[in-house]
Every structure is written in structure tokens, then in C-alpha cells.
C-alpha atoms as a PDB file:
ATOM      1  CA  UNK A   1     -15.015  -5.586   5.743  1.00  0.00           C
ATOM      2  CA  UNK A   2     -17.244  -2.669   6.725  1.00  0.00           C
ATOM      3  CA  UNK A   3     -19.192  -0.859   3.984  1.00  0.00           C
ATOM      4  CA  UNK A   4     -20.977   2.492   4.213  1.00  0.00           C
ATOM      5  CA  UNK A   5     -22.924   2.984   0.969  1.00  0.00           C
ATOM      6  CA  UNK A   6     -24.215   6.364   2.119  1.00  0.00           C
ATOM      7  CA  UNK A   7     -20.665   7.728   2.289  1.00  0.00           C
ATOM      8  CA  UNK A   8     -19.340   5.483  -0.471  1.00  0.00           C
ATOM      9  CA  UNK A   9     -16.678   3.978   1.792  1.00  0.00           C
ATOM     10  CA  UNK A  10     -15.388   0.496   2.461  1.00  0.00           C
ATOM     11  CA  UNK A  11     -12.985  -0.379   5.273  1.00  0.00           C
ATOM     12  CA  UNK A  12     -10.910  -3.482   4.562  1.00  0.00           C
ATOM     13  CA  UNK A  13      -8.554  -4.989   7.133  1.00  0.00           C
ATOM     14  CA  UNK A  14      -6.555  -7.973   5.999  1.00  0.00           C
ATOM     15  CA  UNK A  15      -5.116 -10.455   8.450  1.00  0.00           C
ATOM     16  CA  UNK A  16      -1.359 -11.034   8.455  1.00  0.00           C
ATOM     17  CA  UNK A  17      -0.557 -13.705   5.894  1.00  0.00           C
ATOM     18  CA  UNK A  18      -3.499 -12.821   3.637  1.00  0.00           C
ATOM     19  CA  UNK A  19      -2.274 -13.219   0.066  1.00  0.00           C
ATOM     20  CA  UNK A  20      -4.949 -11.190  -1.759  1.00  0.00           C
ATOM     21  CA  UNK A  21      -3.192  -8.580  -3.903  1.00  0.00           C
ATOM     22  CA  UNK A  22      -4.194  -4.974  -4.525  1.00  0.00           C
ATOM     23  CA  UNK A  23      -5.065  -5.985  -8.103  1.00  0.00           C
ATOM     24  CA  UNK A  24      -7.365  -8.742  -6.824  1.00  0.00           C
ATOM     25  CA  UNK A  25      -8.997  -6.296  -4.414  1.00  0.00           C
ATOM     26  CA  UNK A  26      -9.390  -3.711  -7.195  1.00  0.00           C
ATOM     27  CA  UNK A  27     -10.859  -6.370  -9.550  1.00  0.00           C
ATOM     28  CA  UNK A  28     -13.363  -7.528  -6.894  1.00  0.00           C
ATOM     29  CA  UNK A  29     -14.496  -3.952  -6.309  1.00  0.00           C
ATOM     30  CA  UNK A  30     -14.830  -3.310 -10.072  1.00  0.00           C
ATOM     31  CA  UNK A  31     -16.721  -6.603 -10.565  1.00  0.00           C
ATOM     32  CA  UNK A  32     -19.359  -5.287  -8.177  1.00  0.00           C
ATOM     33  CA  UNK A  33     -19.765  -2.040 -10.121  1.00  0.00           C
ATOM     34  CA  UNK A  34     -17.577   0.233  -8.011  1.00  0.00           C
ATOM     35  CA  UNK A  35     -14.213   1.952  -8.462  1.00  0.00           C
ATOM     36  CA  UNK A  36     -11.348   1.763  -6.015  1.00  0.00           C
ATOM     37  CA  UNK A  37     -10.703   5.415  -5.220  1.00  0.00           C
ATOM     38  CA  UNK A  38      -7.749   6.970  -3.471  1.00  0.00           C
ATOM     39  CA  UNK A  39      -7.234   4.899  -0.335  1.00  0.00           C
ATOM     40  CA  UNK A  40      -5.551   5.331   3.016  1.00  0.00           C
ATOM     41  CA  UNK A  41      -3.414   2.286   3.764  1.00  0.00           C
ATOM     42  CA  UNK A  42      -1.027   0.770   6.285  1.00  0.00           C
ATOM     43  CA  UNK A  43       1.215  -1.748   4.538  1.00  0.00           C
ATOM     44  CA  UNK A  44       4.067  -3.957   5.779  1.00  0.00           C
ATOM     45  CA  UNK A  45       6.969  -4.991   3.597  1.00  0.00           C
ATOM     46  CA  UNK A  46      10.638  -4.574   2.823  1.00  0.00           C
ATOM     47  CA  UNK A  47      12.271  -1.545   1.204  1.00  0.00           C
ATOM     48  CA  UNK A  48      14.220  -2.286  -1.980  1.00  0.00           C
ATOM     49  CA  UNK A  49      16.109   0.032  -4.340  1.00  0.00           C
ATOM     50  CA  UNK A  50      15.909  -1.390  -7.882  1.00  0.00           C
ATOM     51  CA  UNK A  51      17.415   1.161 -10.284  1.00  0.00           C
ATOM     52  CA  UNK A  52      17.947   3.506  -7.323  1.00  0.00           C
ATOM     53  CA  UNK A  53      14.193   4.030  -6.833  1.00  0.00           C
ATOM     54  CA  UNK A  54      12.695   3.155  -3.432  1.00  0.00           C
ATOM     55  CA  UNK A  55       9.938   0.545  -3.608  1.00  0.00           C
ATOM     56  CA  UNK A  56       8.051  -1.470  -1.011  1.00  0.00           C
ATOM     57  CA  UNK A  57       8.118  -5.229  -1.585  1.00  0.00           C
ATOM     58  CA  UNK A  58       4.800  -6.069   0.056  1.00  0.00           C
ATOM     59  CA  UNK A  59       5.011  -8.921   2.569  1.00  0.00           C
ATOM     60  CA  UNK A  60       3.579 -12.154   1.163  1.00  0.00           C
ATOM     61  CA  UNK A  61       3.124 -10.769  -2.387  1.00  0.00           C
ATOM     62  CA  UNK A  62       5.181 -10.391  -5.528  1.00  0.00           C
ATOM     63  CA  UNK A  63       3.797  -6.845  -5.863  1.00  0.00           C
ATOM     64  CA  UNK A  64       5.779  -3.700  -5.218  1.00  0.00           C
ATOM     65  CA  UNK A  65       4.649  -0.135  -4.635  1.00  0.00           C
ATOM     66  CA  UNK A  66       6.855   2.829  -5.479  1.00  0.00           C
ATOM     67  CA  UNK A  67       7.504   4.795  -2.270  1.00  0.00           C
ATOM     68  CA  UNK A  68       6.789   8.498  -2.800  1.00  0.00           C
ATOM     69  CA  UNK A  69       7.278  10.749   0.239  1.00  0.00           C
ATOM     70  CA  UNK A  70       4.397  13.011   1.236  1.00  0.00           C
ATOM     71  CA  UNK A  71       5.459  16.560   1.999  1.00  0.00           C
ATOM     72  CA  UNK A  72       5.005  15.772   5.708  1.00  0.00           C
ATOM     73  CA  UNK A  73       7.134  12.591   5.642  1.00  0.00           C
ATOM     74  CA  UNK A  74      10.014  12.839   8.085  1.00  0.00           C
ATOM     75  CA  UNK A  75      11.914   9.679   7.097  1.00  0.00           C
ATOM     76  CA  UNK A  76      13.566   8.792   3.811  1.00  0.00           C
ATOM     77  CA  UNK A  77      12.712   5.363   2.425  1.00  0.00           C
ATOM     78  CA  UNK A  78      16.164   4.949   0.868  1.00  0.00           C
ATOM     79  CA  UNK A  79      17.771   5.007   4.330  1.00  0.00           C
ATOM     80  CA  UNK A  80      15.728   1.891   5.188  1.00  0.00           C
ATOM     81  CA  UNK A  81      16.803  -0.211   2.177  1.00  0.00           C
ATOM     82  CA  UNK A  82      16.760  -3.930   2.969  1.00  0.00           C
ATOM     83  CA  UNK A  83      14.784  -3.438   6.179  1.00  0.00           C
ATOM     84  CA  UNK A  84      11.284  -4.596   7.071  1.00  0.00           C
ATOM     85  CA  UNK A  85       9.024  -1.585   7.519  1.00  0.00           C
ATOM     86  CA  UNK A  86       5.444  -0.470   8.123  1.00  0.00           C
ATOM     87  CA  UNK A  87       4.279   2.293   5.787  1.00  0.00           C
ATOM     88  CA  UNK A  88       1.283   4.571   6.338  1.00  0.00           C
ATOM     89  CA  UNK A  89       0.110   6.610   3.400  1.00  0.00           C
ATOM     90  CA  UNK A  90      -2.227   7.093   0.468  1.00  0.00           C
ATOM     91  CA  UNK A  91      -2.626   4.802  -2.528  1.00  0.00           C
ATOM     92  CA  UNK A  92      -3.943   6.674  -5.593  1.00  0.00           C
ATOM     93  CA  UNK A  93      -7.084   5.706  -7.487  1.00  0.00           C
ATOM     94  CA  UNK A  94      -6.278   2.585  -9.493  1.00  0.00           C
ATOM     95  CA  UNK A  95      -8.234   3.173 -12.691  1.00  0.00           C
ATOM     96  CA  UNK A  96      -7.845   0.121 -14.923  1.00  0.00           C
ATOM     97  CA  UNK A  97      -4.498  -0.872 -13.456  1.00  0.00           C
ATOM     98  CA  UNK A  98      -3.336  -2.090 -10.111  1.00  0.00           C
ATOM     99  CA  UNK A  99      -2.070   0.758  -7.926  1.00  0.00           C
ATOM    100  CA  UNK A 100       1.647   1.248  -8.449  1.00  0.00           C
ATOM    101  CA  UNK A 101       2.636   3.621  -5.677  1.00  0.00           C
ATOM    102  CA  UNK A 102       1.998   4.783  -2.153  1.00  0.00           C
ATOM    103  CA  UNK A 103       2.517   8.385  -1.048  1.00  0.00           C
ATOM    104  CA  UNK A 104       3.745   7.792   2.480  1.00  0.00           C
ATOM    105  CA  UNK A 105       3.293   9.974   5.563  1.00  0.00           C
ATOM    106  CA  UNK A 106       5.329   7.688   7.775  1.00  0.00           C
ATOM    107  CA  UNK A 107       7.681   4.792   7.293  1.00  0.00           C
ATOM    108  CA  UNK A 108       9.012   2.974  10.336  1.00  0.00           C
ATOM    109  CA  UNK A 109      11.290   0.012  10.751  1.00  0.00           C
ATOM    110  CA  UNK A 110       9.243  -2.986  11.865  1.00  0.00           C
ATOM    111  CA  UNK A 111      10.028  -4.256  15.343  1.00  0.00           C
ATOM    112  CA  UNK A 112      11.611  -7.748  15.357  1.00  0.00           C
ATOM    113  CA  UNK A 113       9.180 -10.455  16.411  1.00  0.00           C
END
């Protein structure tokens, strides 16, 4: 983790397989007197369509994030249902709750390993 107090920024990179959730990260930040603001994120997971709404089932977690396309997003998340993907986008400020969505700029099918 890199922290720049002057700019009020923290850069967190989690290793594959890390099981810390966004709620745990948000709670740790709040415990230290800070607020998790809008964040840029790259997240891996699988696209699911419960109730017809595209969500990202985050790899290694039980958490899901609603997939909301940014105006610049070229791909539709629904077309990737059931596939493993990498999503780049913005997670809104969490407030008291765990973030529930990601506004994605790009969503790409993950290359098989």
C-alpha cells in the first residue's frame, strides 16, 4: 500500500487470492479516521444476471458489484454473462455501507490460464 497524505490518496494493490472484501477495506480505512472516497479499480470476477441485472461476482469473495456502464464503455456486460472478466472502472464513495456498484469503462473477457 502506498499512501500520500498530502494528496489524500492511498494506492492499494491486492495479490490474486487475497480474500479481503471491499467492506473490510472500507472498515479499516474508517477505523483510522478516513473515508473511502470514489475509487478507480480493476477487478476480476464473473458476470452474472440475477433478476436480469448485470453484476460482477468478485473472484474469491461472496460480494457482488452491480455493473453500470460508463458513457464511454464499448462493451455490454450482459453479453458476457457466465464468463470470467476483468473490469476497469470507478467505485463510488462508500459512505456507511460497502460499495455496491462499479461504473465500468472497460470489461474484457479474462484470458484462460
